[in-house]
Amino acid sequence: MSKITINDIAKAAGVAKSTVSKVLNDAASISDETKRKVRDIMKEMNYTPSSIATQLARKSSFNVGLLIDLSRKDDFLNHFFYAIIGGIESVIGKHQYELTICNANIEPSIENDSPSFMNRLVRNGKVDGLIMDSSIWSTETQRLLSELQFPYVLIGEAPAEVSCSAVDIDNENGGYLLAQHLIENGYKRIAFIGGEGKGEPLFDRRVNGCANALRKNGLALDPRLVLAGTANEANGRLFMEQLLALPAEDRPDAVICMNNYTAFGALEAARAAGLSTPSQLGIATFDDYPLAAYTNPPLTCLKMDTFELGVQAAHMLMTRISDSTTAVEQRLIPAALITRASTKQ
């Protein structure tokens, strides 16, 4: 018995061969009714699509590129990066796509002075679309990809001056949730420690959220209680010591930390100063991983679903790959508040 081909499916369904190809690639331009009809016939005829044949039909590489900057090693040696990859893979695998991880931090191409990945991945047809961290984005990258009408999605906050598809954690609302929780538990002078400082989008969003919650409750974020610097244990300890060195009436009664490591250092400094958490000092942090549940006391935190970040970025990209006319979209993934003993008075 001869092997069933895409032509056989098209004939049985009464549609064009190109329509069957689009159904195989879940193109948004094909109606759900037609997709169901064609897929039912595929099932009846025991048809198994050939990824090579499908690739040739649509000139596809069946690869998605994930651009990273390997000079930022700490970003790519942690749980969050691998959770994002897992989220992306969980979506693109269903479309018979593979994920190619590429270092964007390579010298520009000598021939045309464009980012090296433009030649290695895009112009050479090695990927059908790109997912990249917003820190990699540049006006030149945007111009080149737009000229080629090449699909891409940013992970992180989209630049305010341009319109491009992006997905991010709702960091501003996250800051609001943490501060509001602290206020509801009786804290009034709230500090924020860790992060790269004013002008860095992640820092600004989180601090703005905290300030909004305080403002809503008739309070204010004292600039002296906002201390920026690398979000690690050493700075958490240092910043906490600096806050406790303020005159008694100016000291915070609660601290929001940029991450678990900062919070751990802050806890250690508070303990060394003889302060009891949470009765004398509340401590909360962004992210549940890796320490929040295991400190003494366990930390109130925000759960940041980075797996879902990868899922949403992949869904958005696959839609743009299947239909180049898809409108630009920006999504925010809500964070979930987890309350623990570090803030419960």
C-alpha atoms as a PDB file:
ATOM      1  CA  MET A   1       0.000   0.000   0.000  1.00  0.00           C
ATOM      2  CA  SER A   2       1.449   3.364  -1.022  1.00  0.00           C
ATOM      3  CA  LYS A   3       2.128   5.991   1.607  1.00  0.00           C
ATOM      4  CA  ILE A   4      -0.551   8.645   2.102  1.00  0.00           C
ATOM      5  CA  THR A   5       0.664  12.040   0.915  1.00  0.00           C
ATOM      6  CA  ILE A   6      -0.383  15.623   1.472  1.00  0.00           C
ATOM      7  CA  ASN A   7      -1.969  15.518  -2.024  1.00  0.00           C
ATOM      8  CA  ASP A   8      -4.194  12.616  -0.931  1.00  0.00           C
ATOM      9  CA  ILE A   9      -5.351  14.583   2.105  1.00  0.00           C
ATOM     10  CA  ALA A  10      -6.067  17.685   0.005  1.00  0.00           C
ATOM     11  CA  LYS A  11      -8.102  15.650  -2.495  1.00  0.00           C
ATOM     12  CA  ALA A  12     -10.119  13.889   0.213  1.00  0.00           C
ATOM     13  CA  ALA A  13     -10.834  17.152   2.002  1.00  0.00           C
ATOM     14  CA  GLY A  14     -11.659  19.045  -1.171  1.00  0.00           C
ATOM     15  CA  VAL A  15      -9.113  21.762  -0.438  1.00  0.00           C
ATOM     16  CA  ALA A  16      -5.875  22.978  -1.962  1.00  0.00           C
ATOM     17  CA  LYS A  17      -2.546  21.409  -1.054  1.00  0.00           C
ATOM     18  CA  SER A  18      -1.459  24.771   0.356  1.00  0.00           C
ATOM     19  CA  THR A  19      -4.439  24.720   2.717  1.00  0.00           C
ATOM     20  CA  VAL A  20      -3.352  21.359   4.111  1.00  0.00           C
ATOM     21  CA  SER A  21       0.158  22.758   4.626  1.00  0.00           C
ATOM     22  CA  LYS A  22      -1.283  25.702   6.521  1.00  0.00           C
ATOM     23  CA  VAL A  23      -3.366  23.384   8.682  1.00  0.00           C
ATOM     24  CA  LEU A  24      -0.221  21.400   9.501  1.00  0.00           C
ATOM     25  CA  ASN A  25       1.377  24.626  10.690  1.00  0.00           C
ATOM     26  CA  ASP A  26      -1.746  25.799  12.545  1.00  0.00           C
ATOM     27  CA  ALA A  27      -1.921  28.994  10.483  1.00  0.00           C
ATOM     28  CA  ALA A  28      -4.256  31.608  11.944  1.00  0.00           C
ATOM     29  CA  SER A  29      -5.571  32.389   8.430  1.00  0.00           C
ATOM     30  CA  ILE A  30      -7.348  28.995   8.236  1.00  0.00           C
ATOM     31  CA  SER A  31     -10.727  28.694   9.960  1.00  0.00           C
ATOM     32  CA  ASP A  32     -11.191  26.327  12.900  1.00  0.00           C
ATOM     33  CA  GLU A  33     -13.856  24.467  10.915  1.00  0.00           C
ATOM     34  CA  THR A  34     -11.459  23.774   8.031  1.00  0.00           C
ATOM     35  CA  LYS A  35      -8.707  22.757  10.469  1.00  0.00           C
ATOM     36  CA  ARG A  36     -11.041  20.256  12.148  1.00  0.00           C
ATOM     37  CA  LYS A  37     -12.157  18.839   8.799  1.00  0.00           C
ATOM     38  CA  VAL A  38      -8.618  18.372   7.485  1.00  0.00           C
ATOM     39  CA  ARG A  39      -7.323  16.942  10.769  1.00  0.00           C
ATOM     40  CA  ASP A  40     -10.212  14.460  10.939  1.00  0.00           C
ATOM     41  CA  ILE A  41      -9.351  13.226   7.454  1.00  0.00           C
ATOM     42  CA  MET A  42      -5.663  12.937   8.400  1.00  0.00           C
ATOM     43  CA  LYS A  43      -6.689  10.801  11.354  1.00  0.00           C
ATOM     44  CA  GLU A  44      -9.026   8.634   9.248  1.00  0.00           C
ATOM     45  CA  MET A  45      -6.351   8.092   6.603  1.00  0.00           C
ATOM     46  CA  ASN A  46      -3.616   7.446   9.175  1.00  0.00           C
ATOM     47  CA  TYR A  47      -1.535  10.285   7.765  1.00  0.00           C
ATOM     48  CA  THR A  48       1.734  11.158   9.481  1.00  0.00           C
ATOM     49  CA  PRO A  49       3.160  14.484   8.271  1.00  0.00           C
ATOM     50  CA  SER A  50       6.739  14.527   7.094  1.00  0.00           C
ATOM     51  CA  SER A  51       8.535  17.366   8.826  1.00  0.00           C
ATOM     52  CA  ILE A  52      10.936  17.628   5.880  1.00  0.00           C
ATOM     53  CA  ALA A  53       8.120  17.816   3.331  1.00  0.00           C
ATOM     54  CA  THR A  54       6.262  20.351   5.446  1.00  0.00           C
ATOM     55  CA  GLN A  55       9.423  22.380   5.834  1.00  0.00           C
ATOM     56  CA  LEU A  56       9.964  22.471   2.094  1.00  0.00           C
ATOM     57  CA  ALA A  57       6.338  23.390   1.470  1.00  0.00           C
ATOM     58  CA  ARG A  58       6.602  26.479   3.616  1.00  0.00           C
ATOM     59  CA  LYS A  59      10.358  27.060   3.342  1.00  0.00           C
ATOM     60  CA  SER A  60      10.644  26.568   7.069  1.00  0.00           C
ATOM     61  CA  SER A  61      13.638  25.633   9.181  1.00  0.00           C
ATOM     62  CA  PHE A  62      11.355  24.324  11.931  1.00  0.00           C
ATOM     63  CA  ASN A  63      13.587  26.108  14.412  1.00  0.00           C
ATOM     64  CA  VAL A  64      12.998  28.968  16.833  1.00  0.00           C
ATOM     65  CA  GLY A  65      15.949  31.014  18.047  1.00  0.00           C
ATOM     66  CA  LEU A  66      16.372  32.087  21.679  1.00  0.00           C
ATOM     67  CA  LEU A  67      18.857  34.970  21.818  1.00  0.00           C
ATOM     68  CA  ILE A  68      20.824  35.390  25.036  1.00  0.00           C
ATOM     69  CA  ASP A  69      23.776  37.501  26.126  1.00  0.00           C
ATOM     70  CA  LEU A  70      26.323  35.076  27.560  1.00  0.00           C
ATOM     71  CA  SER A  71      28.330  37.945  29.038  1.00  0.00           C
ATOM     72  CA  ARG A  72      25.599  38.089  31.716  1.00  0.00           C
ATOM     73  CA  LYS A  73      26.483  34.680  33.121  1.00  0.00           C
ATOM     74  CA  ASP A  74      24.503  35.019  36.348  1.00  0.00           C
ATOM     75  CA  ASP A  75      21.289  35.433  34.340  1.00  0.00           C
ATOM     76  CA  PHE A  76      21.761  32.107  32.601  1.00  0.00           C
ATOM     77  CA  LEU A  77      22.987  29.956  35.455  1.00  0.00           C
ATOM     78  CA  ASN A  78      19.797  30.107  37.490  1.00  0.00           C
ATOM     79  CA  HIS A  79      16.437  28.399  37.799  1.00  0.00           C
ATOM     80  CA  PHE A  80      14.521  31.151  36.001  1.00  0.00           C
ATOM     81  CA  PHE A  81      16.365  30.786  32.710  1.00  0.00           C
ATOM     82  CA  TYR A  82      15.719  27.055  32.548  1.00  0.00           C
ATOM     83  CA  ALA A  83      12.081  27.545  33.512  1.00  0.00           C
ATOM     84  CA  ILE A  84      11.704  29.942  30.554  1.00  0.00           C
ATOM     85  CA  ILE A  85      13.312  27.383  28.225  1.00  0.00           C
ATOM     86  CA  GLY A  86      10.940  24.712  29.541  1.00  0.00           C
ATOM     87  CA  GLY A  87       7.968  26.955  28.879  1.00  0.00           C
ATOM     88  CA  ILE A  88       9.094  27.670  25.320  1.00  0.00           C
ATOM     89  CA  GLU A  89       9.766  23.996  24.601  1.00  0.00           C
ATOM     90  CA  SER A  90       6.346  22.950  25.939  1.00  0.00           C
ATOM     91  CA  VAL A  91       4.719  25.036  23.188  1.00  0.00           C
ATOM     92  CA  ILE A  92       6.977  24.810  20.152  1.00  0.00           C
ATOM     93  CA  GLY A  93       7.412  21.038  20.476  1.00  0.00           C
ATOM     94  CA  LYS A  94       3.717  20.606  19.722  1.00  0.00           C
ATOM     95  CA  HIS A  95       4.352  22.360  16.408  1.00  0.00           C
ATOM     96  CA  GLN A  96       7.325  20.075  15.582  1.00  0.00           C
ATOM     97  CA  TYR A  97       9.750  22.947  16.220  1.00  0.00           C
ATOM     98  CA  GLU A  98      13.198  22.794  17.803  1.00  0.00           C
ATOM     99  CA  LEU A  99      14.817  25.466  19.963  1.00  0.00           C
ATOM    100  CA  THR A 100      18.195  26.936  19.024  1.00  0.00           C
ATOM    101  CA  ILE A 101      19.968  28.944  21.738  1.00  0.00           C
ATOM    102  CA  CYS A 102      22.284  31.585  20.360  1.00  0.00           C
ATOM    103  CA  ASN A 103      24.714  34.023  21.953  1.00  0.00           C
ATOM    104  CA  ALA A 104      23.876  37.549  20.839  1.00  0.00           C
ATOM    105  CA  ASN A 105      27.039  38.979  22.408  1.00  0.00           C
ATOM    106  CA  ILE A 106      29.288  38.397  19.396  1.00  0.00           C
ATOM    107  CA  GLU A 107      31.011  41.000  17.246  1.00  0.00           C
ATOM    108  CA  PRO A 108      28.956  42.363  14.304  1.00  0.00           C
ATOM    109  CA  SER A 109      29.383  40.846  10.865  1.00  0.00           C
ATOM    110  CA  ILE A 110      32.324  42.414   9.025  1.00  0.00           C
ATOM    111  CA  GLU A 111      30.430  42.498   5.725  1.00  0.00           C
ATOM    112  CA  ASN A 112      27.499  44.672   6.768  1.00  0.00           C
ATOM    113  CA  ASP A 113      28.142  45.710  10.387  1.00  0.00           C
ATOM    114  CA  SER A 114      24.824  44.193  11.505  1.00  0.00           C
ATOM    115  CA  PRO A 115      24.480  41.974  14.594  1.00  0.00           C
ATOM    116  CA  SER A 116      26.086  38.617  13.898  1.00  0.00           C
ATOM    117  CA  PHE A 117      22.915  36.664  14.606  1.00  0.00           C
ATOM    118  CA  MET A 118      21.237  38.426  11.667  1.00  0.00           C
ATOM    119  CA  ASN A 119      23.449  36.478   9.272  1.00  0.00           C
ATOM    120  CA  ARG A 120      23.901  33.298  11.317  1.00  0.00           C
ATOM    121  CA  LEU A 121      20.224  32.784  12.081  1.00  0.00           C
ATOM    122  CA  VAL A 122      17.931  35.114  10.176  1.00  0.00           C
ATOM    123  CA  ARG A 123      19.389  35.702   6.702  1.00  0.00           C
ATOM    124  CA  ASN A 124      20.650  32.109   6.458  1.00  0.00           C
ATOM    125  CA  GLY A 125      17.161  30.825   7.225  1.00  0.00           C
ATOM    126  CA  LYS A 126      18.230  28.763  10.239  1.00  0.00           C
ATOM    127  CA  VAL A 127      15.279  29.934  12.343  1.00  0.00           C
ATOM    128  CA  ASP A 128      11.718  31.009  11.560  1.00  0.00           C
ATOM    129  CA  GLY A 129      11.427  33.418  14.460  1.00  0.00           C
ATOM    130  CA  LEU A 130      13.282  34.843  17.459  1.00  0.00           C
ATOM    131  CA  ILE A 131      12.633  35.170  21.185  1.00  0.00           C
ATOM    132  CA  MET A 132      15.023  37.577  22.882  1.00  0.00           C
ATOM    133  CA  ASP A 133      15.488  39.263  26.227  1.00  0.00           C
ATOM    134  CA  SER A 134      14.520  42.918  26.046  1.00  0.00           C
ATOM    135  CA  SER A 135      18.056  43.863  27.161  1.00  0.00           C
ATOM    136  CA  ILE A 136      19.325  42.595  23.780  1.00  0.00           C
ATOM    137  CA  TRP A 137      16.873  44.725  21.807  1.00  0.00           C
ATOM    138  CA  SER A 138      18.243  47.791  20.031  1.00  0.00           C
ATOM    139  CA  THR A 139      16.833  50.234  17.489  1.00  0.00           C
ATOM    140  CA  GLU A 140      19.166  48.705  14.885  1.00  0.00           C
ATOM    141  CA  THR A 141      17.953  45.179  15.633  1.00  0.00           C
ATOM    142  CA  GLN A 142      14.351  46.356  15.406  1.00  0.00           C
ATOM    143  CA  ARG A 143      14.996  48.100  12.091  1.00  0.00           C
ATOM    144  CA  LEU A 144      16.682  45.081  10.515  1.00  0.00           C
ATOM    145  CA  LEU A 145      14.033  42.599  11.648  1.00  0.00           C
ATOM    146  CA  SER A 146      11.211  44.908  10.578  1.00  0.00           C
ATOM    147  CA  GLU A 147      12.701  45.379   7.118  1.00  0.00           C
ATOM    148  CA  LEU A 148      12.723  41.598   6.681  1.00  0.00           C
ATOM    149  CA  GLN A 149       9.264  41.298   8.289  1.00  0.00           C
ATOM    150  CA  PHE A 150      10.860  38.682  10.505  1.00  0.00           C
ATOM    151  CA  PRO A 151       8.788  37.537  13.509  1.00  0.00           C
ATOM    152  CA  TYR A 152      10.196  38.103  16.982  1.00  0.00           C
ATOM    153  CA  VAL A 153       8.988  38.478  20.570  1.00  0.00           C
ATOM    154  CA  LEU A 154      10.704  40.142  23.510  1.00  0.00           C
ATOM    155  CA  ILE A 155      10.824  38.731  27.019  1.00  0.00           C
ATOM    156  CA  GLY A 156      10.839  41.662  29.396  1.00  0.00           C
ATOM    157  CA  GLU A 157       9.544  45.192  29.161  1.00  0.00           C
ATOM    158  CA  ALA A 158       9.138  46.482  25.609  1.00  0.00           C
ATOM    159  CA  PRO A 159      10.899  49.785  24.881  1.00  0.00           C
ATOM    160  CA  ALA A 160       8.429  52.638  25.322  1.00  0.00           C
ATOM    161  CA  GLU A 161       9.393  54.321  22.061  1.00  0.00           C
ATOM    162  CA  VAL A 162       8.515  51.416  19.754  1.00  0.00           C
ATOM    163  CA  SER A 163       5.694  49.013  19.085  1.00  0.00           C
ATOM    164  CA  CYS A 164       6.754  45.377  19.306  1.00  0.00           C
ATOM    165  CA  SER A 165       5.404  42.154  20.754  1.00  0.00           C
ATOM    166  CA  ALA A 166       6.574  41.432  24.287  1.00  0.00           C
ATOM    167  CA  VAL A 167       5.662  39.491  27.408  1.00  0.00           C
ATOM    168  CA  ASP A 168       6.762  40.243  30.954  1.00  0.00           C
ATOM    169  CA  ILE A 169       5.943  39.609  34.600  1.00  0.00           C
ATOM    170  CA  ASP A 170       3.769  42.402  35.994  1.00  0.00           C
ATOM    171  CA  ASN A 171       6.524  43.739  38.219  1.00  0.00           C
ATOM    172  CA  GLU A 172       4.796  47.016  39.059  1.00  0.00           C
ATOM    173  CA  ASN A 173       1.716  45.264  40.362  1.00  0.00           C
ATOM    174  CA  GLY A 174       4.034  42.852  42.169  1.00  0.00           C
ATOM    175  CA  GLY A 175       5.624  45.735  44.065  1.00  0.00           C
ATOM    176  CA  TYR A 176       2.147  47.013  44.868  1.00  0.00           C
ATOM    177  CA  LEU A 177       1.023  43.621  46.216  1.00  0.00           C
ATOM    178  CA  LEU A 178       4.007  43.302  48.551  1.00  0.00           C
ATOM    179  CA  ALA A 179       3.700  46.848  49.906  1.00  0.00           C
ATOM    180  CA  GLN A 180      -0.079  46.590  50.312  1.00  0.00           C
ATOM    181  CA  HIS A 181       0.330  43.347  52.248  1.00  0.00           C
ATOM    182  CA  LEU A 182       2.846  44.979  54.580  1.00  0.00           C
ATOM    183  CA  ILE A 183       0.596  47.989  55.135  1.00  0.00           C
ATOM    184  CA  GLU A 184      -2.366  45.725  55.928  1.00  0.00           C
ATOM    185  CA  ASN A 185      -0.181  44.049  58.552  1.00  0.00           C
ATOM    186  CA  GLY A 186       0.532  47.339  60.301  1.00  0.00           C
ATOM    187  CA  TYR A 187       3.850  48.412  58.766  1.00  0.00           C
ATOM    188  CA  LYS A 188       4.156  52.060  57.727  1.00  0.00           C
ATOM    189  CA  ARG A 189       7.800  52.874  56.920  1.00  0.00           C
ATOM    190  CA  ILE A 190       8.710  50.535  54.100  1.00  0.00           C
ATOM    191  CA  ALA A 191      12.184  50.324  52.559  1.00  0.00           C
ATOM    192  CA  PHE A 192      13.214  48.826  49.217  1.00  0.00           C
ATOM    193  CA  ILE A 193      16.698  47.321  48.802  1.00  0.00           C
ATOM    194  CA  GLY A 194      18.626  45.726  45.914  1.00  0.00           C
ATOM    195  CA  GLY A 195      18.523  46.137  42.144  1.00  0.00           C
ATOM    196  CA  GLU A 196      20.405  48.156  39.590  1.00  0.00           C
ATOM    197  CA  GLY A 197      18.903  51.518  40.501  1.00  0.00           C
ATOM    198  CA  LYS A 198      16.802  54.256  38.946  1.00  0.00           C
ATOM    199  CA  GLY A 199      16.584  54.025  35.168  1.00  0.00           C
ATOM    200  CA  GLU A 200      16.715  50.225  35.089  1.00  0.00           C
ATOM    201  CA  PRO A 201      13.198  49.064  34.055  1.00  0.00           C
ATOM    202  CA  LEU A 202      12.880  46.148  36.483  1.00  0.00           C
ATOM    203  CA  PHE A 203      13.993  48.252  39.443  1.00  0.00           C
ATOM    204  CA  ASP A 204      11.786  51.192  38.464  1.00  0.00           C
ATOM    205  CA  ARG A 205       8.660  49.057  38.000  1.00  0.00           C
ATOM    206  CA  ARG A 206       9.011  47.320  41.341  1.00  0.00           C
ATOM    207  CA  VAL A 207       9.773  50.502  43.279  1.00  0.00           C
ATOM    208  CA  ASN A 208       6.929  52.359  41.552  1.00  0.00           C
ATOM    209  CA  GLY A 209       4.518  49.612  42.592  1.00  0.00           C
ATOM    210  CA  CYS A 210       5.610  49.939  46.206  1.00  0.00           C
ATOM    211  CA  ALA A 211       5.268  53.727  46.066  1.00  0.00           C
ATOM    212  CA  ASN A 212       1.770  53.444  44.574  1.00  0.00           C
ATOM    213  CA  ALA A 213       0.561  51.237  47.418  1.00  0.00           C
ATOM    214  CA  LEU A 214       1.974  53.603  50.020  1.00  0.00           C
ATOM    215  CA  ARG A 215       0.422  56.602  48.286  1.00  0.00           C
ATOM    216  CA  LYS A 216      -2.975  54.899  48.144  1.00  0.00           C
ATOM    217  CA  ASN A 217      -2.828  54.461  51.913  1.00  0.00           C
ATOM    218  CA  GLY A 218      -1.805  58.052  52.656  1.00  0.00           C
ATOM    219  CA  LEU A 219       1.850  57.136  53.159  1.00  0.00           C
ATOM    220  CA  ALA A 220       5.014  57.909  51.196  1.00  0.00           C
ATOM    221  CA  LEU A 221       8.162  56.091  50.121  1.00  0.00           C
ATOM    222  CA  ASP A 222      11.074  57.889  51.769  1.00  0.00           C
ATOM    223  CA  PRO A 223      13.941  58.181  49.212  1.00  0.00           C
ATOM    224  CA  ARG A 224      16.406  57.489  52.052  1.00  0.00           C
ATOM    225  CA  LEU A 225      14.884  54.014  52.379  1.00  0.00           C
ATOM    226  CA  VAL A 226      15.539  53.046  48.741  1.00  0.00           C
ATOM    227  CA  LEU A 227      19.020  51.520  48.411  1.00  0.00           C
ATOM    228  CA  ALA A 228      20.185  50.173  45.047  1.00  0.00           C
ATOM    229  CA  GLY A 229      23.021  47.844  44.177  1.00  0.00           C
ATOM    230  CA  THR A 230      23.711  44.307  43.007  1.00  0.00           C
ATOM    231  CA  ALA A 231      20.985  42.092  44.451  1.00  0.00           C
ATOM    232  CA  ASN A 232      23.085  39.664  46.496  1.00  0.00           C
ATOM    233  CA  GLU A 233      23.532  38.507  50.084  1.00  0.00           C
ATOM    234  CA  ALA A 234      26.426  40.873  50.838  1.00  0.00           C
ATOM    235  CA  ASN A 235      24.474  43.945  49.745  1.00  0.00           C
ATOM    236  CA  GLY A 236      21.381  42.735  51.558  1.00  0.00           C
ATOM    237  CA  ARG A 237      23.409  42.694  54.757  1.00  0.00           C
ATOM    238  CA  LEU A 238      25.106  46.029  53.997  1.00  0.00           C
ATOM    239  CA  PHE A 239      21.878  47.832  53.087  1.00  0.00           C
ATOM    240  CA  MET A 240      20.115  46.528  56.181  1.00  0.00           C
ATOM    241  CA  GLU A 241      22.982  47.770  58.356  1.00  0.00           C
ATOM    242  CA  GLN A 242      22.767  51.197  56.686  1.00  0.00           C
ATOM    243  CA  LEU A 243      19.020  51.386  57.305  1.00  0.00           C
ATOM    244  CA  LEU A 244      19.427  50.417  60.958  1.00  0.00           C
ATOM    245  CA  ALA A 245      22.102  53.115  61.369  1.00  0.00           C
ATOM    246  CA  LEU A 246      19.512  55.828  60.640  1.00  0.00           C
ATOM    247  CA  PRO A 247      18.032  57.784  63.572  1.00  0.00           C
ATOM    248  CA  ALA A 248      15.379  55.686  65.329  1.00  0.00           C
ATOM    249  CA  GLU A 249      12.468  57.768  63.999  1.00  0.00           C
ATOM    250  CA  ASP A 250      13.689  57.360  60.394  1.00  0.00           C
ATOM    251  CA  ARG A 251      14.324  53.623  60.377  1.00  0.00           C
ATOM    252  CA  PRO A 252      12.019  51.327  58.393  1.00  0.00           C
ATOM    253  CA  ASP A 253       9.687  48.901  60.101  1.00  0.00           C
ATOM    254  CA  ALA A 254       9.565  46.693  56.985  1.00  0.00           C
ATOM    255  CA  VAL A 255      11.824  45.972  54.012  1.00  0.00           C
ATOM    256  CA  ILE A 256      11.028  44.736  50.491  1.00  0.00           C
ATOM    257  CA  CYS A 257      13.985  42.985  48.858  1.00  0.00           C
ATOM    258  CA  MET A 258      14.798  42.619  45.173  1.00  0.00           C
ATOM    259  CA  ASN A 259      15.385  38.857  45.494  1.00  0.00           C
ATOM    260  CA  ASN A 260      15.938  35.976  47.919  1.00  0.00           C
ATOM    261  CA  TYR A 261      19.677  36.526  48.256  1.00  0.00           C
ATOM    262  CA  THR A 262      19.208  40.170  49.231  1.00  0.00           C
ATOM    263  CA  ALA A 263      16.507  39.136  51.697  1.00  0.00           C
ATOM    264  CA  PHE A 264      18.749  36.486  53.255  1.00  0.00           C
ATOM    265  CA  GLY A 265      21.466  39.077  53.879  1.00  0.00           C
ATOM    266  CA  ALA A 266      18.905  41.479  55.324  1.00  0.00           C
ATOM    267  CA  LEU A 267      17.602  38.789  57.680  1.00  0.00           C
ATOM    268  CA  GLU A 268      21.118  38.024  58.886  1.00  0.00           C
ATOM    269  CA  ALA A 269      21.826  41.716  59.543  1.00  0.00           C
ATOM    270  CA  ALA A 270      18.534  42.153  61.411  1.00  0.00           C
ATOM    271  CA  ARG A 271      19.262  39.088  63.534  1.00  0.00           C
ATOM    272  CA  ALA A 272      22.782  40.331  64.299  1.00  0.00           C
ATOM    273  CA  ALA A 273      21.278  43.657  65.433  1.00  0.00           C
ATOM    274  CA  GLY A 274      18.966  41.836  67.835  1.00  0.00           C
ATOM    275  CA  LEU A 275      15.768  42.606  65.919  1.00  0.00           C
ATOM    276  CA  SER A 276      12.901  40.142  65.874  1.00  0.00           C
ATOM    277  CA  THR A 277      11.214  39.354  62.549  1.00  0.00           C
ATOM    278  CA  PRO A 278       8.329  40.048  62.056  1.00  0.00           C
ATOM    279  CA  SER A 279       7.435  41.814  65.342  1.00  0.00           C
ATOM    280  CA  GLN A 280      10.121  44.500  65.036  1.00  0.00           C
ATOM    281  CA  LEU A 281      10.893  44.286  61.315  1.00  0.00           C
ATOM    282  CA  GLY A 282       8.887  42.785  58.461  1.00  0.00           C
ATOM    283  CA  ILE A 283      10.822  41.387  55.497  1.00  0.00           C
ATOM    284  CA  ALA A 284       9.339  40.421  52.110  1.00  0.00           C
ATOM    285  CA  THR A 285      10.923  39.602  48.781  1.00  0.00           C
ATOM    286  CA  PHE A 286      10.354  39.104  45.092  1.00  0.00           C
ATOM    287  CA  ASP A 287      10.644  35.490  43.879  1.00  0.00           C
ATOM    288  CA  ASP A 288      10.037  32.290  45.811  1.00  0.00           C
ATOM    289  CA  TYR A 289      13.207  30.580  44.554  1.00  0.00           C
ATOM    290  CA  PRO A 290      15.525  29.375  45.977  1.00  0.00           C
ATOM    291  CA  LEU A 291      15.472  30.387  49.670  1.00  0.00           C
ATOM    292  CA  ALA A 292      12.173  32.022  50.626  1.00  0.00           C
ATOM    293  CA  ALA A 293      10.503  28.929  52.059  1.00  0.00           C
ATOM    294  CA  TYR A 294      13.595  27.820  54.002  1.00  0.00           C
ATOM    295  CA  THR A 295      14.816  30.909  55.856  1.00  0.00           C
ATOM    296  CA  ASN A 296      14.108  31.511  59.539  1.00  0.00           C
ATOM    297  CA  PRO A 297      11.452  32.807  59.555  1.00  0.00           C
ATOM    298  CA  PRO A 298      10.185  31.782  56.090  1.00  0.00           C
ATOM    299  CA  LEU A 299       9.848  34.775  53.774  1.00  0.00           C
ATOM    300  CA  THR A 300       6.680  36.329  52.424  1.00  0.00           C
ATOM    301  CA  CYS A 301       7.285  36.590  48.683  1.00  0.00           C
ATOM    302  CA  LEU A 302       5.894  36.897  45.190  1.00  0.00           C
ATOM    303  CA  LYS A 303       5.826  33.784  43.036  1.00  0.00           C
ATOM    304  CA  MET A 304       7.063  34.806  39.566  1.00  0.00           C
ATOM    305  CA  ASP A 305       5.924  32.236  37.009  1.00  0.00           C
ATOM    306  CA  THR A 306       8.837  32.269  34.572  1.00  0.00           C
ATOM    307  CA  PHE A 307       7.714  28.954  33.013  1.00  0.00           C
ATOM    308  CA  GLU A 308       4.512  30.730  31.957  1.00  0.00           C
ATOM    309  CA  LEU A 309       6.668  33.586  30.669  1.00  0.00           C
ATOM    310  CA  GLY A 310       8.257  31.123  28.225  1.00  0.00           C
ATOM    311  CA  VAL A 311       4.862  29.616  27.360  1.00  0.00           C
ATOM    312  CA  GLN A 312       3.335  32.974  26.480  1.00  0.00           C
ATOM    313  CA  ALA A 313       6.377  34.140  24.502  1.00  0.00           C
ATOM    314  CA  ALA A 314       6.290  30.930  22.461  1.00  0.00           C
ATOM    315  CA  HIS A 315       2.540  31.162  21.798  1.00  0.00           C
ATOM    316  CA  MET A 316       2.930  34.739  20.616  1.00  0.00           C
ATOM    317  CA  LEU A 317       5.844  33.854  18.353  1.00  0.00           C
ATOM    318  CA  MET A 318       4.148  30.811  16.799  1.00  0.00           C
ATOM    319  CA  THR A 319       1.128  32.970  15.981  1.00  0.00           C
ATOM    320  CA  ARG A 320       3.356  35.559  14.318  1.00  0.00           C
ATOM    321  CA  ILE A 321       5.205  32.870  12.365  1.00  0.00           C
ATOM    322  CA  SER A 322       1.962  31.428  10.998  1.00  0.00           C
ATOM    323  CA  ASP A 323       0.483  34.839  10.178  1.00  0.00           C
ATOM    324  CA  SER A 324       2.771  37.777   9.521  1.00  0.00           C
ATOM    325  CA  THR A 325      -0.170  40.211   9.710  1.00  0.00           C
ATOM    326  CA  THR A 326      -0.792  39.452  13.401  1.00  0.00           C
ATOM    327  CA  ALA A 327      -1.084  42.676  15.376  1.00  0.00           C
ATOM    328  CA  VAL A 328       1.602  43.636  17.880  1.00  0.00           C
ATOM    329  CA  GLU A 329       0.688  42.470  21.378  1.00  0.00           C
ATOM    330  CA  GLN A 330       2.086  43.016  24.847  1.00  0.00           C
ATOM    331  CA  ARG A 331       1.180  40.727  27.747  1.00  0.00           C
ATOM    332  CA  LEU A 332       1.785  40.934  31.484  1.00  0.00           C
ATOM    333  CA  ILE A 333       1.779  37.810  33.652  1.00  0.00           C
ATOM    334  CA  PRO A 334       0.491  38.434  37.186  1.00  0.00           C
ATOM    335  CA  ALA A 335       2.607  37.468  40.174  1.00  0.00           C
ATOM    336  CA  ALA A 336       1.062  35.607  43.121  1.00  0.00           C
ATOM    337  CA  LEU A 337       1.521  36.704  46.736  1.00  0.00           C
ATOM    338  CA  ILE A 338       2.668  33.985  49.157  1.00  0.00           C
ATOM    339  CA  THR A 339       2.374  35.111  52.793  1.00  0.00           C
ATOM    340  CA  ARG A 340       4.669  33.588  55.390  1.00  0.00           C
ATOM    341  CA  ALA A 341       5.901  34.250  58.922  1.00  0.00           C
ATOM    342  CA  SER A 342       8.346  37.053  58.032  1.00  0.00           C
ATOM    343  CA  THR A 343       5.500  39.610  57.772  1.00  0.00           C
ATOM    344  CA  LYS A 344       2.694  38.242  59.946  1.00  0.00           C
ATOM    345  CA  GLN A 345       2.525  40.317  63.127  1.00  0.00           C
END
